[in-house]
Amino acid sequence: MSLARPASRPKHILIFGGTGDANRIAEDLLHEFGGDIRLQLSLAGRTSAPSLPDGVPVRIGGFGGPEGIISYVKSEQIDLVIDATHPYATEISHNVAQACHAVAMPCIQFHRPAWEKTDKDNWISVKSIEEAAKILPEIGTRALIASGAKNLHAFEGLEKTWLLVRTVDAPRDPFDLEHGEWLFARGPFSVESETELLERHEVNVIVSKNSGGDATYAKIEAARNLGIPVIMIERPGGEPVIQAPSREEIIKRVHEILDQI
């Protein structure tokens, strides 16, 4: 009489999200692996009413640094971590990488390709939002600030440039915007709507992060068509973990990792 082998438990994958890419990666994984995996999505909770994938448990809130992440992945018996946060969410990506290295946890960072400058683009590259704010008055008198909700205080006190500051939600810690106005809107945007926005507000310079992807690229196309310069905040480098530039590469890497666990 032979004893049946106990069934192995589904592998537990934790996705750090907050982007549309993270939701699509979760859907891809469910389609590819089905009941062989358990998924959990972690969100920082900075965006109200986030779009979420169906059927995936969601954890909202911070962890308290690498130590909190280490404690969580141990208690939840996580087998694999995927970092699909925003390309500029450097603090959480660093904490995730540090925690995974500390416990020898496999970690994949989705690093979507940056936008590529064309011959018709007028980009002024800077390394930080502070540098963008410093040179802004030299570039234009009416600016669309489309660099996200973090570190907007860098633009406080500018008097020579009128600012249209666009964020998804109202900032939790807004600066005193005396010379401009707030605009709360969520992408994706069309080239037509971005062109209309720029023309209506007579914008002659844009401040943007090189986020990559399709959701907010329309403003870059609109700027190109209108001959408007873009102060482009350069993309930070990836963490020293497995890098995946596409969702297809994520699936490939997950297969390789799960085969070894």
C-alpha atoms as a PDB file:
ATOM      1  CA  MET A   1       0.000   0.000   0.000  1.00  0.00           C
ATOM      2  CA  SER A   2       1.509   3.306  -1.041  1.00  0.00           C
ATOM      3  CA  LEU A   3       0.848   6.608   0.660  1.00  0.00           C
ATOM      4  CA  ALA A   4      -0.286   9.518  -1.482  1.00  0.00           C
ATOM      5  CA  ARG A   5       2.081  12.456  -1.517  1.00  0.00           C
ATOM      6  CA  PRO A   6       0.632  15.564   0.135  1.00  0.00           C
ATOM      7  CA  ALA A   7      -0.268  18.265  -2.336  1.00  0.00           C
ATOM      8  CA  SER A   8       2.098  21.207  -2.276  1.00  0.00           C
ATOM      9  CA  ARG A   9       0.609  24.525  -1.283  1.00  0.00           C
ATOM     10  CA  PRO A  10       0.167  27.236  -3.932  1.00  0.00           C
ATOM     11  CA  LYS A  11       3.153  29.543  -4.147  1.00  0.00           C
ATOM     12  CA  HIS A  12       2.490  32.882  -2.519  1.00  0.00           C
ATOM     13  CA  ILE A  13       3.431  35.965  -4.566  1.00  0.00           C
ATOM     14  CA  LEU A  14       3.394  39.487  -3.153  1.00  0.00           C
ATOM     15  CA  ILE A  15       3.120  42.330  -5.685  1.00  0.00           C
ATOM     16  CA  PHE A  16       4.008  45.856  -4.661  1.00  0.00           C
ATOM     17  CA  GLY A  17       1.697  47.920  -6.828  1.00  0.00           C
ATOM     18  CA  GLY A  18      -0.021  51.254  -7.198  1.00  0.00           C
ATOM     19  CA  THR A  19       0.234  51.320 -10.998  1.00  0.00           C
ATOM     20  CA  GLY A  20      -1.874  49.999 -13.850  1.00  0.00           C
ATOM     21  CA  ASP A  21       1.096  47.802 -14.722  1.00  0.00           C
ATOM     22  CA  ALA A  22       0.842  46.051 -11.357  1.00  0.00           C
ATOM     23  CA  ASN A  23      -2.841  45.266 -11.951  1.00  0.00           C
ATOM     24  CA  ARG A  24      -2.122  43.880 -15.415  1.00  0.00           C
ATOM     25  CA  ILE A  25       0.767  41.785 -14.081  1.00  0.00           C
ATOM     26  CA  ALA A  26      -1.555  40.316 -11.446  1.00  0.00           C
ATOM     27  CA  GLU A  27      -4.107  39.448 -14.131  1.00  0.00           C
ATOM     28  CA  ASP A  28      -1.368  37.902 -16.307  1.00  0.00           C
ATOM     29  CA  LEU A  29      -0.162  35.745 -13.432  1.00  0.00           C
ATOM     30  CA  LEU A  30      -3.652  34.510 -12.576  1.00  0.00           C
ATOM     31  CA  HIS A  31      -4.237  33.614 -16.228  1.00  0.00           C
ATOM     32  CA  GLU A  32      -0.885  31.853 -16.550  1.00  0.00           C
ATOM     33  CA  PHE A  33      -0.674  29.973 -13.240  1.00  0.00           C
ATOM     34  CA  GLY A  34      -4.256  29.741 -11.963  1.00  0.00           C
ATOM     35  CA  GLY A  35      -4.576  27.836  -8.715  1.00  0.00           C
ATOM     36  CA  ASP A  36      -0.852  27.099  -8.529  1.00  0.00           C
ATOM     37  CA  ILE A  37      -0.277  30.535  -7.006  1.00  0.00           C
ATOM     38  CA  ARG A  38      -1.769  32.879  -4.435  1.00  0.00           C
ATOM     39  CA  LEU A  39      -1.486  36.578  -5.120  1.00  0.00           C
ATOM     40  CA  GLN A  40      -1.525  39.541  -2.814  1.00  0.00           C
ATOM     41  CA  LEU A  41      -1.272  43.174  -3.882  1.00  0.00           C
ATOM     42  CA  SER A  42       0.281  45.777  -1.597  1.00  0.00           C
ATOM     43  CA  LEU A  43      -0.586  49.470  -2.056  1.00  0.00           C
ATOM     44  CA  ALA A  44       0.880  52.430  -0.233  1.00  0.00           C
ATOM     45  CA  GLY A  45      -2.570  54.021   0.024  1.00  0.00           C
ATOM     46  CA  ARG A  46      -1.599  57.414  -1.400  1.00  0.00           C
ATOM     47  CA  THR A  47      -4.292  57.379  -4.107  1.00  0.00           C
ATOM     48  CA  SER A  48      -8.002  57.446  -3.318  1.00  0.00           C
ATOM     49  CA  ALA A  49     -10.266  54.936  -5.073  1.00  0.00           C
ATOM     50  CA  PRO A  50      -7.440  53.045  -6.803  1.00  0.00           C
ATOM     51  CA  SER A  51      -8.227  50.729  -9.694  1.00  0.00           C
ATOM     52  CA  LEU A  52      -7.813  47.136  -8.524  1.00  0.00           C
ATOM     53  CA  PRO A  53      -7.689  43.731 -10.254  1.00  0.00           C
ATOM     54  CA  ASP A  54     -10.560  41.344  -9.568  1.00  0.00           C
ATOM     55  CA  GLY A  55     -10.021  38.461  -7.189  1.00  0.00           C
ATOM     56  CA  VAL A  56      -6.722  39.634  -5.672  1.00  0.00           C
ATOM     57  CA  PRO A  57      -6.517  40.392  -1.933  1.00  0.00           C
ATOM     58  CA  VAL A  58      -5.195  43.894  -1.287  1.00  0.00           C
ATOM     59  CA  ARG A  59      -3.122  45.215   1.600  1.00  0.00           C
ATOM     60  CA  ILE A  60      -3.076  48.998   1.996  1.00  0.00           C
ATOM     61  CA  GLY A  61      -0.493  50.937   3.983  1.00  0.00           C
ATOM     62  CA  GLY A  62       3.223  51.117   4.620  1.00  0.00           C
ATOM     63  CA  PHE A  63       5.415  48.528   6.293  1.00  0.00           C
ATOM     64  CA  GLY A  64       7.773  50.702   8.301  1.00  0.00           C
ATOM     65  CA  GLY A  65      10.882  50.126   6.218  1.00  0.00           C
ATOM     66  CA  PRO A  66      12.781  46.946   5.301  1.00  0.00           C
ATOM     67  CA  GLU A  67      12.322  45.412   8.754  1.00  0.00           C
ATOM     68  CA  GLY A  68       8.551  45.608   8.424  1.00  0.00           C
ATOM     69  CA  ILE A  69       8.670  44.011   4.976  1.00  0.00           C
ATOM     70  CA  ILE A  70      10.898  41.212   6.304  1.00  0.00           C
ATOM     71  CA  SER A  71       8.462  40.525   9.137  1.00  0.00           C
ATOM     72  CA  TYR A  72       5.516  40.500   6.746  1.00  0.00           C
ATOM     73  CA  VAL A  73       6.959  38.157   4.104  1.00  0.00           C
ATOM     74  CA  LYS A  74       7.939  35.734   6.868  1.00  0.00           C
ATOM     75  CA  SER A  75       4.580  35.769   8.622  1.00  0.00           C
ATOM     76  CA  GLU A  76       2.655  35.457   5.341  1.00  0.00           C
ATOM     77  CA  GLN A  77       4.986  32.765   3.942  1.00  0.00           C
ATOM     78  CA  ILE A  78       5.694  34.736   0.792  1.00  0.00           C
ATOM     79  CA  ASP A  79       7.678  32.827  -1.859  1.00  0.00           C
ATOM     80  CA  LEU A  80       8.316  35.587  -4.392  1.00  0.00           C
ATOM     81  CA  VAL A  81       8.110  39.385  -4.474  1.00  0.00           C
ATOM     82  CA  ILE A  82       7.371  41.510  -7.545  1.00  0.00           C
ATOM     83  CA  ASP A  83       8.044  45.240  -7.379  1.00  0.00           C
ATOM     84  CA  ALA A  84       5.690  46.904  -9.862  1.00  0.00           C
ATOM     85  CA  THR A  85       5.572  50.304  -8.192  1.00  0.00           C
ATOM     86  CA  HIS A  86       6.033  53.579 -10.077  1.00  0.00           C
ATOM     87  CA  PRO A  87       9.496  53.970 -11.659  1.00  0.00           C
ATOM     88  CA  TYR A  88      10.120  56.985  -9.408  1.00  0.00           C
ATOM     89  CA  ALA A  89       8.995  55.295  -6.164  1.00  0.00           C
ATOM     90  CA  THR A  90      12.641  54.879  -5.214  1.00  0.00           C
ATOM     91  CA  GLU A  91      12.181  54.647  -1.440  1.00  0.00           C
ATOM     92  CA  ILE A  92       9.793  51.686  -1.474  1.00  0.00           C
ATOM     93  CA  SER A  93      11.775  49.945  -4.239  1.00  0.00           C
ATOM     94  CA  HIS A  94      14.965  50.300  -2.215  1.00  0.00           C
ATOM     95  CA  ASN A  95      13.239  48.975   0.918  1.00  0.00           C
ATOM     96  CA  VAL A  96      11.790  46.009  -0.985  1.00  0.00           C
ATOM     97  CA  ALA A  97      15.153  45.105  -2.505  1.00  0.00           C
ATOM     98  CA  GLN A  98      16.942  45.436   0.836  1.00  0.00           C
ATOM     99  CA  ALA A  99      14.373  43.261   2.601  1.00  0.00           C
ATOM    100  CA  CYS A 100      14.458  40.569  -0.079  1.00  0.00           C
ATOM    101  CA  HIS A 101      18.253  40.425  -0.033  1.00  0.00           C
ATOM    102  CA  ALA A 102      18.215  40.082   3.755  1.00  0.00           C
ATOM    103  CA  VAL A 103      16.057  36.949   3.664  1.00  0.00           C
ATOM    104  CA  ALA A 104      17.243  35.575   0.287  1.00  0.00           C
ATOM    105  CA  MET A 105      13.771  36.160  -1.181  1.00  0.00           C
ATOM    106  CA  PRO A 106      13.488  36.121  -4.998  1.00  0.00           C
ATOM    107  CA  CYS A 107      12.537  39.596  -6.205  1.00  0.00           C
ATOM    108  CA  ILE A 108      11.626  40.856  -9.678  1.00  0.00           C
ATOM    109  CA  GLN A 109      11.420  44.566 -10.443  1.00  0.00           C
ATOM    110  CA  PHE A 110       9.247  45.573 -13.352  1.00  0.00           C
ATOM    111  CA  HIS A 111      11.184  48.404 -14.960  1.00  0.00           C
ATOM    112  CA  ARG A 112       9.080  49.581 -17.881  1.00  0.00           C
ATOM    113  CA  PRO A 113      11.103  51.251 -20.638  1.00  0.00           C
ATOM    114  CA  ALA A 114      11.536  55.011 -20.458  1.00  0.00           C
ATOM    115  CA  TRP A 115      10.200  57.291 -23.185  1.00  0.00           C
ATOM    116  CA  GLU A 116      12.650  57.900 -26.008  1.00  0.00           C
ATOM    117  CA  LYS A 117      13.327  61.417 -27.255  1.00  0.00           C
ATOM    118  CA  THR A 118      12.709  61.999 -30.960  1.00  0.00           C
ATOM    119  CA  ASP A 119      14.295  64.573 -33.268  1.00  0.00           C
ATOM    120  CA  LYS A 120      11.145  66.683 -32.964  1.00  0.00           C
ATOM    121  CA  ASP A 121      11.171  66.796 -29.153  1.00  0.00           C
ATOM    122  CA  ASN A 122      12.667  69.659 -27.160  1.00  0.00           C
ATOM    123  CA  TRP A 123      13.622  68.085 -23.833  1.00  0.00           C
ATOM    124  CA  ILE A 124      15.733  69.713 -21.135  1.00  0.00           C
ATOM    125  CA  SER A 125      17.017  66.865 -18.944  1.00  0.00           C
ATOM    126  CA  VAL A 126      17.389  67.390 -15.193  1.00  0.00           C
ATOM    127  CA  LYS A 127      18.162  64.981 -12.374  1.00  0.00           C
ATOM    128  CA  SER A 128      15.584  66.126  -9.814  1.00  0.00           C
ATOM    129  CA  ILE A 129      12.363  68.029  -9.333  1.00  0.00           C
ATOM    130  CA  GLU A 130      14.339  70.651  -7.419  1.00  0.00           C
ATOM    131  CA  GLU A 131      16.570  71.230 -10.450  1.00  0.00           C
ATOM    132  CA  ALA A 132      13.471  71.454 -12.662  1.00  0.00           C
ATOM    133  CA  ALA A 133      11.968  74.146 -10.413  1.00  0.00           C
ATOM    134  CA  LYS A 134      15.227  76.080 -10.361  1.00  0.00           C
ATOM    135  CA  ILE A 135      15.497  76.415 -14.144  1.00  0.00           C
ATOM    136  CA  LEU A 136      11.760  76.670 -14.857  1.00  0.00           C
ATOM    137  CA  PRO A 137      11.568  80.519 -14.937  1.00  0.00           C
ATOM    138  CA  GLU A 138      14.321  80.559 -17.560  1.00  0.00           C
ATOM    139  CA  ILE A 139      12.344  78.244 -19.876  1.00  0.00           C
ATOM    140  CA  GLY A 140       8.750  79.462 -19.799  1.00  0.00           C
ATOM    141  CA  THR A 141       6.184  81.779 -18.251  1.00  0.00           C
ATOM    142  CA  ARG A 142       3.204  79.361 -18.101  1.00  0.00           C
ATOM    143  CA  ALA A 143       3.916  75.789 -17.029  1.00  0.00           C
ATOM    144  CA  LEU A 144       2.063  72.510 -16.742  1.00  0.00           C
ATOM    145  CA  ILE A 145       3.526  70.681 -13.734  1.00  0.00           C
ATOM    146  CA  ALA A 146       2.791  67.006 -14.433  1.00  0.00           C
ATOM    147  CA  SER A 147       5.424  65.330 -12.269  1.00  0.00           C
ATOM    148  CA  GLY A 148       3.211  63.654  -9.664  1.00  0.00           C
ATOM    149  CA  ALA A 149       2.220  64.680  -6.155  1.00  0.00           C
ATOM    150  CA  LYS A 150       5.561  64.327  -4.372  1.00  0.00           C
ATOM    151  CA  ASN A 151       8.035  67.138  -3.681  1.00  0.00           C
ATOM    152  CA  LEU A 152       5.813  69.827  -5.193  1.00  0.00           C
ATOM    153  CA  HIS A 153       7.059  72.305  -2.596  1.00  0.00           C
ATOM    154  CA  ALA A 154      10.057  72.786  -4.892  1.00  0.00           C
ATOM    155  CA  PHE A 155       7.809  75.065  -6.992  1.00  0.00           C
ATOM    156  CA  GLU A 156       6.627  77.214  -4.099  1.00  0.00           C
ATOM    157  CA  GLY A 157       7.412  80.893  -4.344  1.00  0.00           C
ATOM    158  CA  LEU A 158       7.926  81.057  -8.098  1.00  0.00           C
ATOM    159  CA  GLU A 159       6.674  84.437  -9.285  1.00  0.00           C
ATOM    160  CA  LYS A 160       7.810  84.624 -12.901  1.00  0.00           C
ATOM    161  CA  THR A 161       6.038  81.444 -14.050  1.00  0.00           C
ATOM    162  CA  TRP A 162       2.303  80.712 -13.774  1.00  0.00           C
ATOM    163  CA  LEU A 163       1.732  77.060 -12.758  1.00  0.00           C
ATOM    164  CA  LEU A 164      -0.990  74.581 -13.688  1.00  0.00           C
ATOM    165  CA  VAL A 165      -0.267  71.766 -11.218  1.00  0.00           C
ATOM    166  CA  ARG A 166      -1.929  68.475 -12.182  1.00  0.00           C
ATOM    167  CA  THR A 167      -2.172  65.543  -9.775  1.00  0.00           C
ATOM    168  CA  VAL A 168      -4.493  62.537  -9.506  1.00  0.00           C
ATOM    169  CA  ASP A 169      -5.741  63.556  -6.051  1.00  0.00           C
ATOM    170  CA  ALA A 170      -5.447  66.699  -3.986  1.00  0.00           C
ATOM    171  CA  PRO A 171      -1.983  66.622  -2.348  1.00  0.00           C
ATOM    172  CA  ARG A 172      -2.004  65.769   1.340  1.00  0.00           C
ATOM    173  CA  ASP A 173       0.500  68.521   1.974  1.00  0.00           C
ATOM    174  CA  PRO A 174      -0.174  71.168  -0.713  1.00  0.00           C
ATOM    175  CA  PHE A 175       2.059  74.173  -1.119  1.00  0.00           C
ATOM    176  CA  ASP A 176       0.826  77.755  -1.288  1.00  0.00           C
ATOM    177  CA  LEU A 177       0.003  78.140  -4.979  1.00  0.00           C
ATOM    178  CA  GLU A 178      -0.392  81.903  -5.286  1.00  0.00           C
ATOM    179  CA  HIS A 179       0.427  82.167  -8.997  1.00  0.00           C
ATOM    180  CA  GLY A 180      -1.450  79.336 -10.689  1.00  0.00           C
ATOM    181  CA  GLU A 181      -4.110  76.704 -10.089  1.00  0.00           C
ATOM    182  CA  TRP A 182      -4.566  73.050  -9.203  1.00  0.00           C
ATOM    183  CA  LEU A 183      -5.985  70.485 -11.611  1.00  0.00           C
ATOM    184  CA  PHE A 184      -7.035  67.051 -10.348  1.00  0.00           C
ATOM    185  CA  ALA A 185      -7.321  64.452 -13.113  1.00  0.00           C
ATOM    186  CA  ARG A 186      -6.505  60.803 -13.691  1.00  0.00           C
ATOM    187  CA  GLY A 187      -5.082  59.433 -16.942  1.00  0.00           C
ATOM    188  CA  PRO A 188      -4.976  57.991 -19.467  1.00  0.00           C
ATOM    189  CA  PHE A 189      -5.241  61.200 -21.482  1.00  0.00           C
ATOM    190  CA  SER A 190      -5.632  61.633 -25.229  1.00  0.00           C
ATOM    191  CA  VAL A 191      -3.421  63.762 -27.436  1.00  0.00           C
ATOM    192  CA  GLU A 192      -6.495  65.799 -28.383  1.00  0.00           C
ATOM    193  CA  SER A 193      -7.453  66.554 -24.766  1.00  0.00           C
ATOM    194  CA  GLU A 194      -3.856  67.365 -23.804  1.00  0.00           C
ATOM    195  CA  THR A 195      -3.494  69.686 -26.795  1.00  0.00           C
ATOM    196  CA  GLU A 196      -6.708  71.477 -25.856  1.00  0.00           C
ATOM    197  CA  LEU A 197      -5.534  71.822 -22.249  1.00  0.00           C
ATOM    198  CA  LEU A 198      -2.167  73.271 -23.239  1.00  0.00           C
ATOM    199  CA  GLU A 199      -3.709  75.718 -25.702  1.00  0.00           C
ATOM    200  CA  ARG A 200      -6.510  76.823 -23.359  1.00  0.00           C
ATOM    201  CA  HIS A 201      -4.056  77.659 -20.579  1.00  0.00           C
ATOM    202  CA  GLU A 202      -1.430  79.013 -22.989  1.00  0.00           C
ATOM    203  CA  VAL A 203       1.165  76.634 -21.535  1.00  0.00           C
ATOM    204  CA  ASN A 204       4.649  77.150 -22.965  1.00  0.00           C
ATOM    205  CA  VAL A 205       6.640  74.633 -20.878  1.00  0.00           C
ATOM    206  CA  ILE A 206       5.922  71.254 -19.252  1.00  0.00           C
ATOM    207  CA  VAL A 207       7.623  69.615 -16.275  1.00  0.00           C
ATOM    208  CA  SER A 208       7.395  65.820 -16.395  1.00  0.00           C
ATOM    209  CA  LYS A 209       9.015  62.668 -15.119  1.00  0.00           C
ATOM    210  CA  ASN A 210      10.121  60.126 -17.717  1.00  0.00           C
ATOM    211  CA  SER A 211       7.633  57.585 -16.425  1.00  0.00           C
ATOM    212  CA  GLY A 212       7.326  55.498 -19.582  1.00  0.00           C
ATOM    213  CA  GLY A 213       4.133  53.680 -20.514  1.00  0.00           C
ATOM    214  CA  ASP A 214       1.060  54.895 -22.369  1.00  0.00           C
ATOM    215  CA  ALA A 215      -1.162  56.453 -19.704  1.00  0.00           C
ATOM    216  CA  THR A 216       0.464  59.903 -19.643  1.00  0.00           C
ATOM    217  CA  TYR A 217       2.480  59.936 -22.872  1.00  0.00           C
ATOM    218  CA  ALA A 218      -0.129  62.071 -24.654  1.00  0.00           C
ATOM    219  CA  LYS A 219       1.233  65.249 -23.062  1.00  0.00           C
ATOM    220  CA  ILE A 220       4.629  64.489 -24.611  1.00  0.00           C
ATOM    221  CA  GLU A 221       3.060  64.053 -28.041  1.00  0.00           C
ATOM    222  CA  ALA A 222       1.023  67.225 -27.607  1.00  0.00           C
ATOM    223  CA  ALA A 223       4.123  69.169 -26.573  1.00  0.00           C
ATOM    224  CA  ARG A 224       5.978  67.838 -29.616  1.00  0.00           C
ATOM    225  CA  ASN A 225       3.174  68.878 -31.960  1.00  0.00           C
ATOM    226  CA  LEU A 226       2.939  72.360 -30.426  1.00  0.00           C
ATOM    227  CA  GLY A 227       6.685  72.921 -30.169  1.00  0.00           C
ATOM    228  CA  ILE A 228       6.561  73.212 -26.361  1.00  0.00           C
ATOM    229  CA  PRO A 229       9.743  72.367 -24.408  1.00  0.00           C
ATOM    230  CA  VAL A 230       9.611  69.668 -21.730  1.00  0.00           C
ATOM    231  CA  ILE A 231      11.775  69.780 -18.622  1.00  0.00           C
ATOM    232  CA  MET A 232      12.258  66.031 -18.232  1.00  0.00           C
ATOM    233  CA  ILE A 233      13.253  64.611 -14.871  1.00  0.00           C
ATOM    234  CA  GLU A 234      15.567  61.680 -15.596  1.00  0.00           C
ATOM    235  CA  ARG A 235      14.636  58.127 -14.663  1.00  0.00           C
ATOM    236  CA  PRO A 236      16.313  56.688 -11.539  1.00  0.00           C
ATOM    237  CA  GLY A 237      18.203  53.417 -11.926  1.00  0.00           C
ATOM    238  CA  GLY A 238      16.791  50.028 -11.012  1.00  0.00           C
ATOM    239  CA  GLU A 239      17.524  48.112  -7.831  1.00  0.00           C
ATOM    240  CA  PRO A 240      20.032  45.218  -7.733  1.00  0.00           C
ATOM    241  CA  VAL A 241      17.345  42.570  -8.200  1.00  0.00           C
ATOM    242  CA  ILE A 242      16.026  40.695 -11.247  1.00  0.00           C
ATOM    243  CA  GLN A 243      14.976  43.285 -13.829  1.00  0.00           C
ATOM    244  CA  ALA A 244      12.045  42.717 -16.198  1.00  0.00           C
ATOM    245  CA  PRO A 245      11.253  45.352 -18.849  1.00  0.00           C
ATOM    246  CA  SER A 246       7.987  43.746 -19.976  1.00  0.00           C
ATOM    247  CA  ARG A 247       5.060  41.727 -18.662  1.00  0.00           C
ATOM    248  CA  GLU A 248       6.143  38.831 -20.870  1.00  0.00           C
ATOM    249  CA  GLU A 249       9.519  38.860 -19.139  1.00  0.00           C
ATOM    250  CA  ILE A 250       7.750  38.816 -15.758  1.00  0.00           C
ATOM    251  CA  ILE A 251       5.923  35.605 -16.705  1.00  0.00           C
ATOM    252  CA  LYS A 252       9.157  34.019 -17.942  1.00  0.00           C
ATOM    253  CA  ARG A 253      11.033  34.917 -14.769  1.00  0.00           C
ATOM    254  CA  VAL A 254       8.227  33.698 -12.498  1.00  0.00           C
ATOM    255  CA  HIS A 255       8.242  30.340 -14.288  1.00  0.00           C
ATOM    256  CA  GLU A 256      11.999  30.048 -13.757  1.00  0.00           C
ATOM    257  CA  ILE A 257      11.786  30.962 -10.076  1.00  0.00           C
ATOM    258  CA  LEU A 258       8.803  28.751  -9.227  1.00  0.00           C
ATOM    259  CA  ASP A 259      10.487  25.779 -10.927  1.00  0.00           C
ATOM    260  CA  GLN A 260      13.362  26.165  -8.474  1.00  0.00           C
ATOM    261  CA  ILE A 261      11.307  26.525  -5.296  1.00  0.00           C
END
